[in-house]
Amino acid sequence: MANLTRDRSARTARRRRRLGVVLAAAAVSATFPASAAADDALPVINSGAAAFAHAAAHPDTAPAGANDDSCTPSPEHPRPVVLVHGTVENMTFNWYSLSPRLVNEGYCVFAFNYGQDSGLGVGAPGTFPAGGTAAIPDSAVELAEFVDEVRDTTGSEKVDIVGHSQGGMLPRYYLGELGGADAVEHLVGLSPSNHGTDVLGLSKLPGVPELLQAGLGDSVRDQLADSEFMAELNAGDDTVPGVDYTVIQTKYDEVVTPHTSAFLDGPQVTNVLLQDGCEINLTDHIGIAFDRRAEQYVLNALDPDNAVEPPCVPSPPFNGASTEAR
C-alpha cells in the first residue's frame, strides 16, 4: 500500500490548507445555527440551478448550517453527519439543499472540499481548483483526517457519512483500507460510483480513458469500471462488518452507467431506486443531490425509527424537485 499513501509533509500542508478553508467557511456561515427550531429554521431550496448560482456568488463557503464547531450532537441524533461531495464538485454547490435540511432536523453537519491537488479549474462553481479530481486513495486519506477532526471537535465516537457520486463510493476505500469502519456507523450514497462506470459505453473506445483523465483528473480514470482501482476496491465483499449502507439511485443516471452499478450487495445494505413507486421522478445524476424524494430517503436512512414516506413530485433533470423555501 506504500504507493497509495502520501508524503507526511505534503499531507500536513494539505491538512492545514483545508482546515483554513473550513474555518473561513464556518466564519462566513456563522449566522446559520447548528440546530434550528421550527421558528428559526434555515431556508431549504431544492434546486440545482439555485445551488449553481449560490456557489458562483459565494465560493469556498460552507453550505448553510455546516461546520459549526460548537454543535453538540443530541441524544436523538448522536452522530454528526459528514458530507462528501462528488467529482469536480465542492461542498458549497453539492450540499446547498441537504445541509440546511439536516441541520433543521437537529443534526450536527460537517462538510469539506477534497481532492484539489490536480489543479484543474473545470467543474461546478464554488471552489478553485475543482474538487474531487485527485487519485481516490489520496482523497480517502483526506476524508480520514477530516472524520478524525469532526470526532475530536464533537466528542463523538462515530459519524455518519452522506456522499454524492465519487463521494458515496470513496468512503468505501476509507472503511476497508484505512481503518474507517471503527469510526463510521452508516454510509449513505447518492448515485455512488460503487462499481465504476462505462460512461454510456464511451470508456470502451480507444483513447477515451486517457482523454477523461487528462481533462477531469485521476479520479475519473479511477472510477471507470475497468480501472485498477475498481478492481482493488471490489476484489472482496462490497461491505465491511459493523457499517450500514444505503444506496439511493436514479434510473436516469447518465454518469454512473449502467445505473445498477451503484448498488451494493451485502447483509447490511439497503438499495433504493427513486422511480420505484414514483415514475414522475426524472432526477438525474446531478439533480439527485437536490431532489426532495432523495432527501427524505437520506433522512430515513439516518433515522429509520422516524422514517416517513418520501414525497413523489415531478422532478426534472439537474434541478431536482423544486419547491418553495421552507
Protein backbone atom coordinates (compact mmCIF):
# COMPACT_ATOMS: atom_id res chain seq x y z
CA MET A 1 0.00 0.00 0.00
CA ALA A 2 3.03 2.29 0.01
CA ASN A 3 2.18 3.65 -3.40
CA LEU A 4 -1.24 4.70 -2.11
CA THR A 5 -0.03 6.84 0.81
CA ARG A 6 1.24 10.41 0.86
CA ASP A 7 4.42 12.04 1.95
CA ARG A 8 3.88 13.19 5.57
CA SER A 9 4.89 16.79 4.95
CA ALA A 10 2.60 17.07 1.93
CA ARG A 11 -0.33 15.70 3.91
CA THR A 12 0.34 18.09 6.77
CA ALA A 13 0.41 21.07 4.43
CA ARG A 14 -2.78 19.93 2.75
CA ARG A 15 -4.50 19.41 6.08
CA ARG A 16 -3.58 22.89 7.25
CA ARG A 17 -4.84 24.37 3.98
CA ARG A 18 -8.12 22.52 4.22
CA LEU A 19 -8.57 23.48 7.87
CA GLY A 20 -8.08 27.11 6.89
CA VAL A 21 -10.80 26.82 4.26
CA VAL A 22 -13.17 25.09 6.67
CA LEU A 23 -12.62 27.68 9.38
CA ALA A 24 -13.12 30.52 6.91
CA ALA A 25 -16.25 28.86 5.61
CA ALA A 26 -17.55 28.41 9.13
CA ALA A 27 -16.99 32.10 9.80
CA VAL A 28 -18.95 33.08 6.72
CA SER A 29 -21.83 30.78 7.66
CA ALA A 30 -21.77 31.60 11.37
CA THR A 31 -25.13 33.33 11.07
CA PHE A 32 -26.73 29.93 10.49
CA PRO A 33 -27.31 27.98 13.73
CA ALA A 34 -26.13 24.38 14.03
CA SER A 35 -29.60 23.25 15.02
CA ALA A 36 -32.80 25.08 14.31
CA ALA A 37 -36.19 25.18 15.96
CA ALA A 38 -39.28 25.45 13.80
CA ASP A 39 -39.42 29.23 14.15
CA ASP A 40 -35.85 29.82 13.00
CA ALA A 41 -35.35 27.01 10.51
CA LEU A 42 -32.87 27.54 7.72
CA PRO A 43 -34.26 28.00 4.21
CA VAL A 44 -34.17 24.79 2.18
CA ILE A 45 -34.44 25.27 -1.58
CA ASN A 46 -34.37 22.09 -3.64
CA SER A 47 -32.88 23.42 -6.85
CA GLY A 48 -29.69 22.63 -8.70
CA ALA A 49 -29.98 25.93 -10.56
CA ALA A 50 -30.20 27.86 -7.29
CA ALA A 51 -27.24 25.89 -5.94
CA PHE A 52 -25.21 26.76 -9.04
CA ALA A 53 -25.95 30.47 -8.68
CA HIS A 54 -25.28 30.47 -4.93
CA ALA A 55 -21.95 28.66 -5.27
CA ALA A 56 -20.81 31.04 -8.01
CA ALA A 57 -21.58 34.02 -5.78
CA HIS A 58 -20.20 32.51 -2.55
CA PRO A 59 -17.12 30.38 -3.39
CA ASP A 60 -15.30 28.49 -0.64
CA THR A 61 -18.11 28.85 1.87
CA ALA A 62 -19.74 26.09 3.86
CA PRO A 63 -23.29 25.06 2.98
CA ALA A 64 -25.85 26.61 5.31
CA GLY A 65 -25.59 25.34 8.86
CA ALA A 66 -22.48 23.22 8.36
CA ASN A 67 -19.13 23.37 10.17
CA ASP A 68 -20.31 24.85 13.45
CA ASP A 69 -17.69 23.54 15.86
CA SER A 70 -19.91 24.44 18.82
CA CYS A 71 -22.58 21.97 17.72
CA THR A 72 -23.15 19.18 20.26
CA PRO A 73 -24.84 16.02 18.92
CA SER A 74 -28.19 15.40 20.60
CA PRO A 75 -29.45 12.13 22.11
CA GLU A 76 -31.90 11.93 19.20
CA HIS A 77 -29.09 12.33 16.65
CA PRO A 78 -25.90 11.31 18.46
CA ARG A 79 -23.64 11.11 15.41
CA PRO A 80 -22.51 14.10 13.34
CA VAL A 81 -23.04 13.83 9.60
CA VAL A 82 -20.06 14.24 7.28
CA LEU A 83 -20.95 15.32 3.72
CA VAL A 84 -18.63 14.21 0.90
CA HIS A 85 -19.08 15.92 -2.47
CA GLY A 86 -18.65 14.39 -5.91
CA THR A 87 -16.16 14.67 -8.77
CA VAL A 88 -15.43 18.24 -9.99
CA GLU A 89 -17.86 19.42 -7.33
CA ASN A 90 -17.47 21.04 -3.91
CA MET A 91 -19.29 21.42 -0.61
CA THR A 92 -20.82 24.80 -1.47
CA PHE A 93 -22.61 23.55 -4.57
CA ASN A 94 -23.22 19.90 -3.75
CA TRP A 95 -24.83 20.36 -0.34
CA TYR A 96 -26.80 23.56 -0.90
CA SER A 97 -30.11 21.78 -0.22
CA LEU A 98 -29.28 18.83 2.01
CA SER A 99 -27.09 20.56 4.59
CA PRO A 100 -29.72 23.01 5.87
CA ARG A 101 -32.38 20.27 5.82
CA LEU A 102 -30.21 18.06 8.04
CA VAL A 103 -29.49 20.97 10.39
CA ASN A 104 -33.19 21.75 10.63
CA GLU A 105 -33.75 18.13 11.63
CA GLY A 106 -31.29 18.55 14.52
CA TYR A 107 -28.08 17.07 13.11
CA CYS A 108 -24.58 18.45 13.50
CA VAL A 109 -23.32 18.71 9.92
CA PHE A 110 -19.77 19.00 8.61
CA ALA A 111 -18.55 19.40 5.03
CA PHE A 112 -15.20 19.92 3.32
CA ASN A 113 -13.50 20.16 -0.05
CA TYR A 114 -11.06 17.43 -1.02
CA GLY A 115 -9.05 16.14 -3.96
CA GLN A 116 -7.99 19.52 -5.34
CA ASP A 117 -4.36 18.56 -5.97
CA SER A 118 -4.74 18.21 -9.72
CA GLY A 119 -5.20 21.98 -10.04
CA LEU A 120 -7.97 21.54 -12.59
CA GLY A 121 -10.27 24.53 -12.84
CA VAL A 122 -13.16 22.91 -14.73
CA GLY A 123 -16.07 21.97 -12.52
CA ALA A 124 -19.07 23.19 -10.58
CA PRO A 125 -18.73 26.73 -9.23
CA GLY A 126 -17.87 27.10 -5.57
CA THR A 127 -14.15 26.50 -5.38
CA PHE A 128 -10.90 26.64 -7.30
CA PRO A 129 -9.26 24.29 -8.14
CA ALA A 130 -12.08 21.83 -8.77
CA GLY A 131 -12.62 19.29 -6.01
CA GLY A 132 -12.68 15.52 -6.22
CA THR A 133 -10.19 15.28 -9.10
CA ALA A 134 -7.18 13.72 -7.33
CA ALA A 135 -6.50 9.98 -7.19
CA ILE A 136 -9.12 8.40 -4.97
CA PRO A 137 -6.75 6.72 -2.49
CA ASP A 138 -5.19 10.12 -1.82
CA SER A 139 -8.61 11.73 -1.32
CA ALA A 140 -9.55 8.91 1.06
CA VAL A 141 -6.66 10.00 3.29
CA GLU A 142 -8.13 13.50 3.36
CA LEU A 143 -11.51 12.04 4.33
CA ALA A 144 -9.90 10.03 7.13
CA GLU A 145 -8.25 13.15 8.52
CA PHE A 146 -11.46 15.16 8.31
CA VAL A 147 -13.52 12.49 10.06
CA ASP A 148 -10.95 12.43 12.87
CA GLU A 149 -11.23 16.21 13.17
CA VAL A 150 -15.02 16.03 13.36
CA ARG A 151 -14.89 13.32 16.01
CA ASP A 152 -12.40 15.35 18.04
CA THR A 153 -14.49 18.51 17.70
CA THR A 154 -17.81 16.92 18.66
CA GLY A 155 -16.56 14.25 21.05
CA SER A 156 -18.44 11.63 19.05
CA GLU A 157 -17.14 8.11 18.76
CA LYS A 158 -18.64 7.65 15.30
CA VAL A 159 -20.02 9.67 12.40
CA ASP A 160 -22.47 9.02 9.59
CA ILE A 161 -21.31 9.79 6.05
CA VAL A 162 -23.50 11.00 3.18
CA GLY A 163 -21.82 11.26 -0.20
CA HIS A 164 -22.72 12.02 -3.78
CA SER A 165 -21.21 10.20 -6.78
CA GLN A 166 -17.50 9.69 -6.03
CA GLY A 167 -18.31 10.94 -2.53
CA GLY A 168 -20.59 7.95 -1.98
CA MET A 169 -18.03 5.43 -3.20
CA LEU A 170 -14.75 6.90 -1.93
CA PRO A 171 -15.67 6.25 1.74
CA ARG A 172 -15.72 2.52 1.00
CA TYR A 173 -11.97 2.71 0.43
CA TYR A 174 -11.61 4.58 3.71
CA LEU A 175 -13.71 1.97 5.51
CA GLY A 176 -11.95 -1.06 4.06
CA GLU A 177 -8.35 0.06 3.59
CA LEU A 178 -7.75 2.90 6.05
CA GLY A 179 -9.46 1.57 9.18
CA GLY A 180 -12.50 3.81 8.89
CA ALA A 181 -15.01 1.12 9.85
CA ASP A 182 -14.41 1.82 13.54
CA ALA A 183 -15.36 5.49 13.06
CA VAL A 184 -18.46 5.19 10.85
CA GLU A 185 -21.93 3.90 11.65
CA HIS A 186 -23.72 4.45 8.34
CA LEU A 187 -22.68 5.28 4.77
CA VAL A 188 -25.38 6.77 2.55
CA GLY A 189 -24.59 7.16 -1.15
CA LEU A 190 -26.47 9.29 -3.67
CA SER A 191 -25.75 7.87 -7.14
CA PRO A 192 -22.42 6.46 -5.92
CA SER A 193 -19.95 5.05 -8.44
CA ASN A 194 -19.53 1.85 -6.42
CA HIS A 195 -18.69 -0.50 -9.28
CA GLY A 196 -17.48 2.12 -11.70
CA THR A 197 -18.96 3.49 -14.88
CA ASP A 198 -18.63 2.83 -18.58
CA VAL A 199 -19.72 6.45 -19.29
CA LEU A 200 -22.57 5.36 -21.56
CA GLY A 201 -20.17 2.95 -23.23
CA LEU A 202 -17.68 5.66 -24.22
CA SER A 203 -14.96 4.35 -21.90
CA LYS A 204 -14.57 1.31 -24.13
CA LEU A 205 -13.42 3.46 -27.06
CA PRO A 206 -9.64 3.69 -27.60
CA GLY A 207 -8.11 6.82 -26.07
CA VAL A 208 -11.23 7.89 -24.18
CA PRO A 209 -9.99 6.88 -20.69
CA GLU A 210 -6.80 8.86 -21.22
CA LEU A 211 -8.78 11.83 -22.51
CA LEU A 212 -11.09 11.76 -19.48
CA GLN A 213 -8.14 11.56 -17.12
CA ALA A 214 -6.37 14.48 -18.79
CA GLY A 215 -9.49 16.63 -18.78
CA LEU A 216 -11.08 15.75 -15.43
CA GLY A 217 -8.35 14.29 -13.25
CA ASP A 218 -7.08 10.97 -11.92
CA SER A 219 -10.30 10.27 -10.01
CA VAL A 220 -12.24 9.93 -13.25
CA ARG A 221 -9.86 7.25 -14.51
CA ASP A 222 -10.15 5.50 -11.13
CA GLN A 223 -13.93 5.43 -11.48
CA LEU A 224 -14.04 3.69 -14.84
CA ALA A 225 -15.43 0.20 -14.47
CA ASP A 226 -12.28 -1.50 -15.78
CA SER A 227 -9.76 0.52 -13.75
CA GLU A 228 -7.15 -0.99 -11.45
CA PHE A 229 -8.67 0.97 -8.58
CA MET A 230 -12.14 -0.50 -9.11
CA ALA A 231 -10.66 -3.99 -9.33
CA GLU A 232 -8.96 -3.44 -5.98
CA LEU A 233 -11.96 -1.82 -4.32
CA ASN A 234 -14.34 -4.60 -5.33
CA ALA A 235 -12.00 -7.56 -5.05
CA GLY A 236 -13.74 -8.76 -1.88
CA ASP A 237 -17.10 -8.05 -0.31
CA ASP A 238 -18.91 -4.83 -1.08
CA THR A 239 -19.26 -4.05 2.61
CA VAL A 240 -17.29 -4.28 5.84
CA PRO A 241 -18.74 -5.58 9.11
CA GLY A 242 -20.22 -3.10 11.53
CA VAL A 243 -21.25 -0.45 8.99
CA ASP A 244 -24.71 0.03 7.50
CA TYR A 245 -25.03 1.07 3.86
CA THR A 246 -27.80 2.81 1.93
CA VAL A 247 -27.62 3.46 -1.82
CA ILE A 248 -30.10 5.91 -3.34
CA GLN A 249 -30.06 5.84 -7.13
CA THR A 250 -31.98 7.07 -10.16
CA LYS A 251 -32.51 5.06 -13.31
CA TYR A 252 -31.83 8.26 -15.28
CA ASP A 253 -28.22 8.46 -14.11
CA GLU A 254 -26.20 9.40 -17.17
CA VAL A 255 -22.82 9.49 -15.38
CA VAL A 256 -22.75 6.26 -13.38
CA THR A 257 -23.74 3.80 -16.11
CA PRO A 258 -25.31 1.37 -16.08
CA HIS A 259 -27.21 2.85 -13.14
CA THR A 260 -27.30 -0.53 -11.41
CA SER A 261 -23.53 -0.37 -10.89
CA ALA A 262 -24.26 1.96 -7.96
CA PHE A 263 -25.97 -0.77 -5.97
CA LEU A 264 -24.19 -2.86 -3.34
CA ASP A 265 -24.56 -6.44 -2.18
CA GLY A 266 -24.39 -7.43 1.45
CA PRO A 267 -26.40 -8.12 4.60
CA GLN A 268 -26.15 -4.52 5.82
CA VAL A 269 -27.28 -2.91 2.54
CA THR A 270 -30.46 -1.10 1.53
CA ASN A 271 -30.70 -0.24 -2.18
CA VAL A 272 -33.29 2.35 -3.23
CA LEU A 273 -34.37 3.25 -6.77
CA LEU A 274 -36.11 6.64 -6.76
CA GLN A 275 -38.53 5.68 -9.53
CA ASP A 276 -39.94 2.68 -7.66
CA GLY A 277 -43.47 3.85 -6.97
CA CYS A 278 -42.80 7.29 -8.48
CA GLU A 279 -42.41 7.28 -12.25
CA ILE A 280 -42.78 11.08 -12.46
CA ASN A 281 -39.38 11.47 -10.81
CA LEU A 282 -36.90 12.23 -13.63
CA THR A 283 -33.94 13.14 -11.42
CA ASP A 284 -30.54 12.53 -13.00
CA HIS A 285 -27.01 12.19 -11.60
CA ILE A 286 -26.54 15.84 -10.61
CA GLY A 287 -30.14 16.54 -9.66
CA ILE A 288 -30.33 13.74 -7.10
CA ALA A 289 -28.39 15.91 -4.63
CA PHE A 290 -31.21 18.47 -4.72
CA ASP A 291 -34.17 16.12 -5.05
CA ARG A 292 -36.84 16.16 -2.31
CA ARG A 293 -37.56 12.44 -2.63
CA ALA A 294 -33.87 11.52 -2.37
CA GLU A 295 -33.50 13.96 0.54
CA GLN A 296 -36.20 12.16 2.52
CA TYR A 297 -34.62 8.77 1.81
CA VAL A 298 -31.38 10.14 3.30
CA LEU A 299 -33.23 11.23 6.44
CA ASN A 300 -34.95 7.85 6.67
CA ALA A 301 -31.62 6.06 6.41
CA LEU A 302 -30.08 8.17 9.17
CA ASP A 303 -33.11 7.85 11.46
CA PRO A 304 -35.10 4.75 10.47
CA ASP A 305 -37.18 4.81 13.65
CA ASN A 306 -38.79 8.05 12.46
CA ALA A 307 -38.95 7.32 8.74
CA VAL A 308 -41.73 8.90 6.68
CA GLU A 309 -42.94 8.23 3.16
CA PRO A 310 -40.79 10.24 0.69
CA PRO A 311 -42.75 12.68 -1.47
CA CYS A 312 -43.46 11.85 -5.08
CA VAL A 313 -43.48 15.07 -7.09
CA PRO A 314 -42.27 15.96 -10.59
CA SER A 315 -38.50 16.26 -10.56
CA PRO A 316 -36.64 17.38 -13.70
CA PRO A 317 -33.02 16.55 -14.53
CA PHE A 318 -30.24 18.65 -12.95
CA ASN A 319 -32.56 20.82 -10.90
CA GLY A 320 -34.16 18.18 -8.72
CA ALA A 321 -37.63 18.73 -7.29
CA SER A 322 -38.20 22.45 -6.98
CA THR A 323 -40.17 23.75 -4.04
CA GLU A 324 -40.65 26.96 -2.15
CA ALA A 325 -38.18 27.72 0.61
CA ARG A 326 -39.23 26.04 3.81
